[in-house]
Amino acid sequence: MFNIGFIIFAILGYLLGSLNFSIIIGKLFYKIDVREHGSKNAGTTNTLRVLGKGPAIFVLLFDTFKAVIAYWVVLGITKNASISYVAAAAAVVGHNFPVFFGFKGGKGVATSLGACFCLNPLLGLFVLIIGVSTIALTRYVSVGSLAGSTSSIILFLFFDPNPLKLVLLVILTASMYIRHKENLKRLANHSENKISFSKKSTEK
């Protein structure tokens, strides 16, 4: 029954994560699919490029909080923290591979941050600070995202070495690197563009 519960509520988290708000906002209010413009990624940064600051802020908040919502909904139903952690992580999978949008989603940065806050709010705050600081210093969103994700494993390893949490973080971080493989290639050959806050930036 315990294993079945993991599966059922992981599916619930996945379905909540599949509500990709960059796609929803783009189609609902602008009649465009952000996956057909800019970097073609369904996430906050490409929303900023294609739609501007306002929509990007909403996408950032909604995509972050859907992992948090998955966690609290499942925790409220099951009273089981472990199952709730899995549901929050499953929301990241849903964001990256949304069943409602042809399994073509984003890179999971904001949703992973939301999941990290569910695992440990204080350490999640440190991960956010590291990620944002790295972006501010380098102006590369990809570098900041990967720095934050990598730091999550280190922080949790030393300050909250819960085996399930560490396994989930390793999986999410590995997924983050895989989803950013093109960014890593551009960073290696110095062709990765820096963040721009102007609408319809040509940043990749």
Protein backbone atom coordinates (compact mmCIF):
# COMPACT_ATOMS: atom_id res chain seq x y z
CA MET A 1 0.00 0.00 0.00
CA PHE A 2 2.92 2.32 0.84
CA ASN A 3 4.48 1.78 -2.59
CA ILE A 4 1.13 2.30 -4.29
CA GLY A 5 0.76 5.55 -2.38
CA PHE A 6 4.13 6.73 -3.68
CA ILE A 7 3.05 6.00 -7.25
CA ILE A 8 -0.40 7.56 -6.95
CA PHE A 9 0.80 10.79 -5.39
CA ALA A 10 3.85 10.99 -7.62
CA ILE A 11 1.39 10.97 -10.53
CA LEU A 12 -0.59 13.75 -8.84
CA GLY A 13 2.59 15.80 -8.46
CA TYR A 14 3.47 15.11 -12.08
CA LEU A 15 0.07 16.31 -13.27
CA LEU A 16 0.34 19.52 -11.26
CA GLY A 17 3.82 20.06 -12.69
CA SER A 18 2.46 19.55 -16.19
CA LEU A 19 0.59 22.85 -15.84
CA ASN A 20 3.36 24.75 -17.60
CA PHE A 21 2.52 28.40 -17.09
CA SER A 22 4.80 29.86 -19.74
CA ILE A 23 2.81 27.88 -22.30
CA ILE A 24 -0.52 28.64 -20.66
CA ILE A 25 0.06 32.40 -20.34
CA GLY A 26 1.51 32.64 -23.84
CA LYS A 27 -1.41 30.86 -25.46
CA LEU A 28 -4.15 32.34 -23.28
CA PHE A 29 -3.15 36.01 -23.31
CA TYR A 30 -0.79 36.40 -26.28
CA LYS A 31 -2.04 33.69 -28.66
CA ILE A 32 1.48 32.35 -29.15
CA ASP A 33 3.41 29.29 -28.05
CA VAL A 34 6.66 30.36 -26.39
CA ARG A 35 8.18 27.08 -27.56
CA GLU A 36 8.11 28.46 -31.09
CA HIS A 37 10.05 31.62 -30.23
CA GLY A 38 13.36 32.66 -28.67
CA SER A 39 15.20 29.66 -27.26
CA LYS A 40 12.03 27.59 -27.68
CA ASN A 41 12.17 26.65 -24.02
CA ALA A 42 9.00 26.76 -21.92
CA GLY A 43 10.39 28.53 -18.88
CA THR A 44 10.87 31.86 -17.15
CA THR A 45 13.89 33.11 -19.10
CA ASN A 46 12.36 32.51 -22.51
CA THR A 47 9.10 34.05 -21.31
CA LEU A 48 11.11 37.15 -20.41
CA ARG A 49 12.63 37.21 -23.89
CA VAL A 50 9.40 36.63 -25.76
CA LEU A 51 6.66 38.17 -23.60
CA GLY A 52 8.43 40.59 -21.26
CA LYS A 53 8.97 41.14 -17.54
CA GLY A 54 5.37 40.95 -16.27
CA PRO A 55 4.54 37.54 -17.73
CA ALA A 56 8.00 36.26 -16.74
CA ILE A 57 7.39 37.17 -13.08
CA PHE A 58 4.08 35.33 -13.08
CA VAL A 59 5.65 32.29 -14.72
CA LEU A 60 8.48 32.28 -12.19
CA LEU A 61 6.06 32.39 -9.26
CA PHE A 62 3.57 29.89 -10.65
CA ASP A 63 6.20 27.40 -11.77
CA THR A 64 7.92 27.61 -8.40
CA PHE A 65 4.78 27.25 -6.33
CA LYS A 66 3.31 24.30 -8.21
CA ALA A 67 5.92 22.07 -6.56
CA VAL A 68 5.04 23.63 -3.20
CA ILE A 69 1.34 23.06 -3.84
CA ALA A 70 1.99 19.44 -4.79
CA TYR A 71 3.90 18.99 -1.53
CA TRP A 72 1.26 20.53 0.72
CA VAL A 73 -1.71 18.87 -0.99
CA VAL A 74 -0.13 15.44 -0.69
CA LEU A 75 1.05 16.11 2.86
CA GLY A 76 -2.46 17.16 3.80
CA ILE A 77 -3.91 13.96 2.37
CA THR A 78 -1.28 11.45 3.47
CA LYS A 79 0.39 13.09 6.50
CA ASN A 80 3.53 11.44 5.10
CA ALA A 81 6.48 13.74 4.46
CA SER A 82 8.38 11.23 2.32
CA ILE A 83 5.51 10.79 -0.13
CA SER A 84 5.11 14.58 -0.21
CA TYR A 85 8.80 15.04 -1.10
CA VAL A 86 8.37 12.63 -4.00
CA ALA A 87 5.26 14.51 -5.19
CA ALA A 88 7.18 17.81 -5.18
CA ALA A 89 10.02 16.26 -7.18
CA ALA A 90 7.51 14.69 -9.57
CA ALA A 91 6.18 18.18 -10.28
CA VAL A 92 9.59 18.98 -11.80
CA VAL A 93 9.26 15.98 -14.13
CA GLY A 94 5.82 17.25 -15.11
CA HIS A 95 7.21 20.70 -15.85
CA ASN A 96 9.94 19.28 -18.06
CA PHE A 97 7.71 16.74 -19.79
CA PRO A 98 4.13 18.06 -19.50
CA VAL A 99 1.49 15.52 -20.50
CA PHE A 100 -0.88 18.38 -21.41
CA PHE A 101 1.56 19.92 -23.90
CA GLY A 102 3.04 17.06 -25.85
CA PHE A 103 5.75 16.31 -23.25
CA LYS A 104 7.72 19.36 -24.41
CA GLY A 105 8.29 21.65 -21.45
CA GLY A 106 11.01 23.60 -19.67
CA LYS A 107 14.25 22.92 -17.86
CA GLY A 108 12.80 22.69 -14.37
CA VAL A 109 14.76 25.47 -12.71
CA ALA A 110 11.93 27.31 -10.91
CA THR A 111 10.03 24.13 -10.10
CA SER A 112 13.19 22.49 -8.75
CA LEU A 113 13.68 25.51 -6.50
CA GLY A 114 10.14 25.08 -5.22
CA ALA A 115 10.83 21.41 -4.53
CA CYS A 116 14.04 22.36 -2.71
CA PHE A 117 12.10 24.69 -0.42
CA CYS A 118 9.76 21.80 0.37
CA LEU A 119 12.68 19.57 1.35
CA ASN A 120 14.14 22.21 3.67
CA PRO A 121 13.02 25.87 3.59
CA LEU A 122 16.22 27.29 5.10
CA LEU A 123 18.53 25.39 2.78
CA GLY A 124 16.22 26.23 -0.10
CA LEU A 125 16.79 29.90 0.73
CA PHE A 126 20.55 29.39 0.57
CA VAL A 127 20.20 27.63 -2.78
CA LEU A 128 18.16 30.60 -4.06
CA ILE A 129 20.79 33.08 -2.82
CA ILE A 130 23.60 31.12 -4.47
CA GLY A 131 21.72 30.84 -7.76
CA VAL A 132 20.66 34.50 -7.90
CA SER A 133 24.10 35.73 -6.82
CA THR A 134 25.76 33.66 -9.54
CA ILE A 135 23.39 35.04 -12.16
CA ALA A 136 24.05 38.58 -10.92
CA LEU A 137 27.81 38.08 -11.12
CA THR A 138 27.99 36.23 -14.43
CA ARG A 139 24.71 37.30 -16.08
CA TYR A 140 24.35 33.72 -17.27
CA VAL A 141 21.04 32.18 -16.17
CA SER A 142 22.30 28.72 -17.05
CA VAL A 143 25.37 29.09 -14.82
CA GLY A 144 23.30 30.38 -11.91
CA SER A 145 20.75 27.58 -12.33
CA LEU A 146 23.39 24.88 -12.34
CA ALA A 147 25.30 26.50 -9.46
CA GLY A 148 22.15 26.59 -7.35
CA SER A 149 21.22 23.03 -8.22
CA THR A 150 24.72 21.70 -7.50
CA SER A 151 24.92 23.60 -4.23
CA SER A 152 21.68 21.96 -3.09
CA ILE A 153 23.39 18.57 -2.95
CA ILE A 154 26.36 19.96 -1.03
CA LEU A 155 24.20 21.88 1.45
CA PHE A 156 21.86 18.97 2.10
CA LEU A 157 24.75 16.52 2.33
CA PHE A 158 26.27 18.46 5.22
CA PHE A 159 23.25 19.96 6.96
CA ASP A 160 20.28 17.67 6.20
CA PRO A 161 21.65 14.28 5.09
CA ASN A 162 18.26 12.60 4.70
CA PRO A 163 18.78 9.73 2.20
CA LEU A 164 15.51 10.28 0.32
CA LYS A 165 16.09 14.02 0.02
CA LEU A 166 19.62 13.47 -1.28
CA VAL A 167 18.46 10.92 -3.84
CA LEU A 168 15.77 13.29 -5.10
CA LEU A 169 18.23 16.18 -5.29
CA VAL A 170 20.78 14.11 -7.19
CA ILE A 171 18.09 13.11 -9.69
CA LEU A 172 16.87 16.70 -10.09
CA THR A 173 20.41 18.04 -10.47
CA ALA A 174 21.32 15.38 -13.04
CA SER A 175 18.15 16.27 -14.94
CA MET A 176 19.11 19.95 -14.75
CA TYR A 177 22.48 19.29 -16.34
CA ILE A 178 20.90 17.15 -19.06
CA ARG A 179 18.31 19.82 -19.83
CA HIS A 180 21.08 22.43 -20.01
CA LYS A 181 23.39 20.44 -22.28
CA GLU A 182 23.05 22.93 -25.15
CA ASN A 183 23.78 25.80 -22.76
CA LEU A 184 26.88 23.96 -21.56
CA LYS A 185 28.07 23.57 -25.13
CA ARG A 186 27.59 27.29 -25.76
CA LEU A 187 29.39 28.14 -22.53
CA ALA A 188 32.30 25.96 -23.62
CA ASN A 189 32.65 27.73 -26.96
CA HIS A 190 31.86 31.20 -25.48
CA SER A 191 28.66 31.67 -27.47
CA GLU A 192 26.19 31.61 -24.56
CA ASN A 193 24.43 34.96 -24.39
CA LYS A 194 23.92 36.79 -21.13
CA ILE A 195 20.62 37.65 -19.51
CA SER A 196 18.82 40.66 -20.88
CA PHE A 197 15.74 42.28 -19.38
CA SER A 198 14.59 43.73 -22.67
CA LYS A 199 11.61 42.18 -24.34
CA LYS A 200 12.28 39.79 -27.21
CA SER A 201 15.97 39.51 -26.52
CA THR A 202 18.01 37.41 -28.88
CA GLU A 203 19.57 35.51 -25.96
CA LYS A 204 19.62 31.77 -26.51
